[in-house]
Amino acid sequence: MNNTGGKTCVLVCEDEMFVAMMLQDRLEGAGYRVLMAPRVSKGLELASSEPIDVALLDVNMADEESFPVAEKLRSRGIPFIFSSGYDDQWLPEQWRSERLLRKPYDTKTVTAALSEMLEAGSSHA
């Protein structure tokens, strides 16, 4: 883990307030430390400077795509998952191999996907 306090830190980039609040509440309830970013600029700020273990990135955030945040996370070796209401066929080719959670999703699906990403990341360490 990259953070203090012994909790796994997850960056959640989500612009829909209701979805963001639900995710934060549920992920904190599952034992994660959660950093929220409602806009790409905030996501980039956090992805550049915070001790993040894994991230969940809404592809479309307030008419911006979260790919710059994904690039920053990738450069730091931090695993991430995209989320979207669309399938991966409309993603640019360079991102199609990344994990994509289709909305709507439930907490169990999200926490399972985050755990899988963390396990996969630690097996490569």
Protein backbone atom coordinates (compact mmCIF):
# COMPACT_ATOMS: atom_id res chain seq x y z
CA MET A 1 0.00 0.00 0.00
CA ASN A 2 1.19 3.48 -0.83
CA ASN A 3 -0.59 5.34 1.91
CA THR A 4 -0.63 6.00 5.60
CA GLY A 5 -3.05 4.49 8.06
CA GLY A 6 -2.96 1.01 6.55
CA LYS A 7 -5.92 1.62 4.22
CA THR A 8 -5.77 1.06 0.51
CA CYS A 9 -6.19 4.40 -1.25
CA VAL A 10 -8.51 4.59 -4.26
CA LEU A 11 -8.87 7.63 -6.51
CA VAL A 12 -12.44 7.98 -7.80
CA CYS A 13 -12.89 10.31 -10.77
CA GLU A 14 -16.64 10.75 -11.16
CA ASP A 15 -18.59 13.88 -12.12
CA GLU A 16 -22.10 12.69 -11.26
CA MET A 17 -22.55 13.83 -7.66
CA PHE A 18 -25.00 11.09 -6.63
CA VAL A 19 -22.80 8.33 -8.06
CA ALA A 20 -19.67 9.88 -6.52
CA MET A 21 -21.26 10.16 -3.07
CA MET A 22 -22.55 6.59 -3.22
CA LEU A 23 -19.14 5.27 -4.30
CA GLN A 24 -17.32 7.20 -1.60
CA ASP A 25 -19.69 6.00 1.10
CA ARG A 26 -19.60 2.38 -0.01
CA LEU A 27 -15.86 2.23 -0.60
CA GLU A 28 -15.09 3.84 2.75
CA GLY A 29 -17.48 1.33 4.32
CA ALA A 30 -15.46 -1.43 2.63
CA GLY A 31 -12.29 -0.11 4.27
CA TYR A 32 -10.78 2.03 1.51
CA ARG A 33 -9.38 5.53 1.85
CA VAL A 34 -11.10 7.47 -0.94
CA LEU A 35 -9.89 10.52 -2.86
CA MET A 36 -12.63 12.15 -4.96
CA ALA A 37 -12.16 14.09 -8.18
CA PRO A 38 -15.27 15.56 -9.83
CA ARG A 39 -13.28 17.01 -12.75
CA VAL A 40 -10.33 15.90 -14.88
CA SER A 41 -8.18 18.77 -13.55
CA LYS A 42 -8.66 17.57 -9.95
CA GLY A 43 -8.01 13.98 -11.02
CA LEU A 44 -4.73 15.05 -12.62
CA GLU A 45 -3.73 16.97 -9.51
CA LEU A 46 -4.38 13.98 -7.25
CA ALA A 47 -2.90 11.44 -9.68
CA SER A 48 0.28 13.51 -9.82
CA SER A 49 0.85 13.95 -6.12
CA GLU A 50 -1.07 11.54 -3.88
CA PRO A 51 -0.10 8.04 -2.67
CA ILE A 52 -2.76 6.15 -4.65
CA ASP A 53 -3.01 2.36 -4.84
CA VAL A 54 -5.73 2.02 -7.48
CA ALA A 55 -8.20 4.25 -9.35
CA LEU A 56 -11.68 4.17 -10.85
CA LEU A 57 -12.02 6.64 -13.74
CA ASP A 58 -15.30 7.66 -15.33
CA VAL A 59 -14.34 8.03 -19.00
CA ASN A 60 -16.54 11.09 -19.63
CA MET A 61 -16.40 13.74 -16.92
CA ALA A 62 -18.17 17.05 -17.54
CA ASP A 63 -17.53 16.90 -21.29
CA GLU A 64 -13.88 15.89 -20.82
CA GLU A 65 -12.34 12.46 -21.15
CA SER A 66 -10.29 11.09 -18.26
CA PHE A 67 -7.47 9.77 -20.47
CA PRO A 68 -4.92 12.36 -19.20
CA VAL A 69 -5.54 11.04 -15.66
CA ALA A 70 -5.09 7.47 -16.93
CA GLU A 71 -1.81 8.47 -18.59
CA LYS A 72 -0.51 10.01 -15.36
CA LEU A 73 -1.51 6.93 -13.35
CA ARG A 74 0.08 4.64 -15.93
CA SER A 75 3.33 6.64 -15.76
CA ARG A 76 3.37 6.11 -11.99
CA GLY A 77 2.58 2.40 -12.27
CA ILE A 78 -0.81 2.79 -10.56
CA PRO A 79 -3.52 0.40 -11.79
CA PHE A 80 -6.86 1.84 -12.84
CA ILE A 81 -10.25 0.84 -14.14
CA PHE A 82 -12.37 2.86 -16.53
CA SER A 83 -16.10 3.15 -15.96
CA SER A 84 -18.69 4.07 -18.55
CA GLY A 85 -22.22 3.51 -19.71
CA TYR A 86 -20.80 2.48 -23.10
CA ASP A 87 -18.85 -0.59 -24.16
CA ASP A 88 -15.14 -0.50 -24.97
CA GLN A 89 -15.61 -0.38 -28.77
CA TRP A 90 -15.74 3.42 -28.78
CA LEU A 91 -12.56 3.76 -26.68
CA PRO A 92 -9.42 4.85 -28.53
CA GLU A 93 -7.32 1.81 -29.49
CA GLN A 94 -4.61 2.51 -26.89
CA TRP A 95 -7.14 2.10 -24.05
CA ARG A 96 -9.12 -0.94 -25.23
CA SER A 97 -6.97 -3.39 -23.28
CA GLU A 98 -7.76 -1.65 -19.98
CA ARG A 99 -10.46 -2.94 -17.66
CA LEU A 100 -13.87 -1.29 -18.17
CA LEU A 101 -16.79 -1.46 -15.76
CA ARG A 102 -20.11 -0.80 -17.44
CA LYS A 103 -22.55 1.45 -15.61
CA PRO A 104 -24.75 0.95 -13.78
CA TYR A 105 -22.73 -1.17 -11.38
CA ASP A 106 -23.08 -2.15 -7.75
CA THR A 107 -20.63 -1.86 -4.88
CA LYS A 108 -19.77 -5.55 -4.92
CA THR A 109 -18.75 -5.35 -8.58
CA VAL A 110 -16.61 -2.26 -7.98
CA THR A 111 -14.84 -3.61 -4.88
CA ALA A 112 -14.21 -6.96 -6.60
CA ALA A 113 -12.70 -5.19 -9.63
CA LEU A 114 -10.51 -2.98 -7.44
CA SER A 115 -9.30 -6.01 -5.47
CA GLU A 116 -8.47 -7.84 -8.71
CA MET A 117 -6.48 -4.84 -9.97
CA LEU A 118 -4.56 -4.62 -6.70
CA GLU A 119 -3.80 -8.35 -6.74
CA ALA A 120 -2.67 -8.22 -10.36
CA GLY A 121 -0.45 -5.23 -9.57
CA SER A 122 1.18 -6.92 -6.60
CA SER A 123 1.87 -10.08 -8.62
CA HIS A 124 3.94 -7.97 -11.04
CA ALA A 125 5.94 -6.31 -8.25
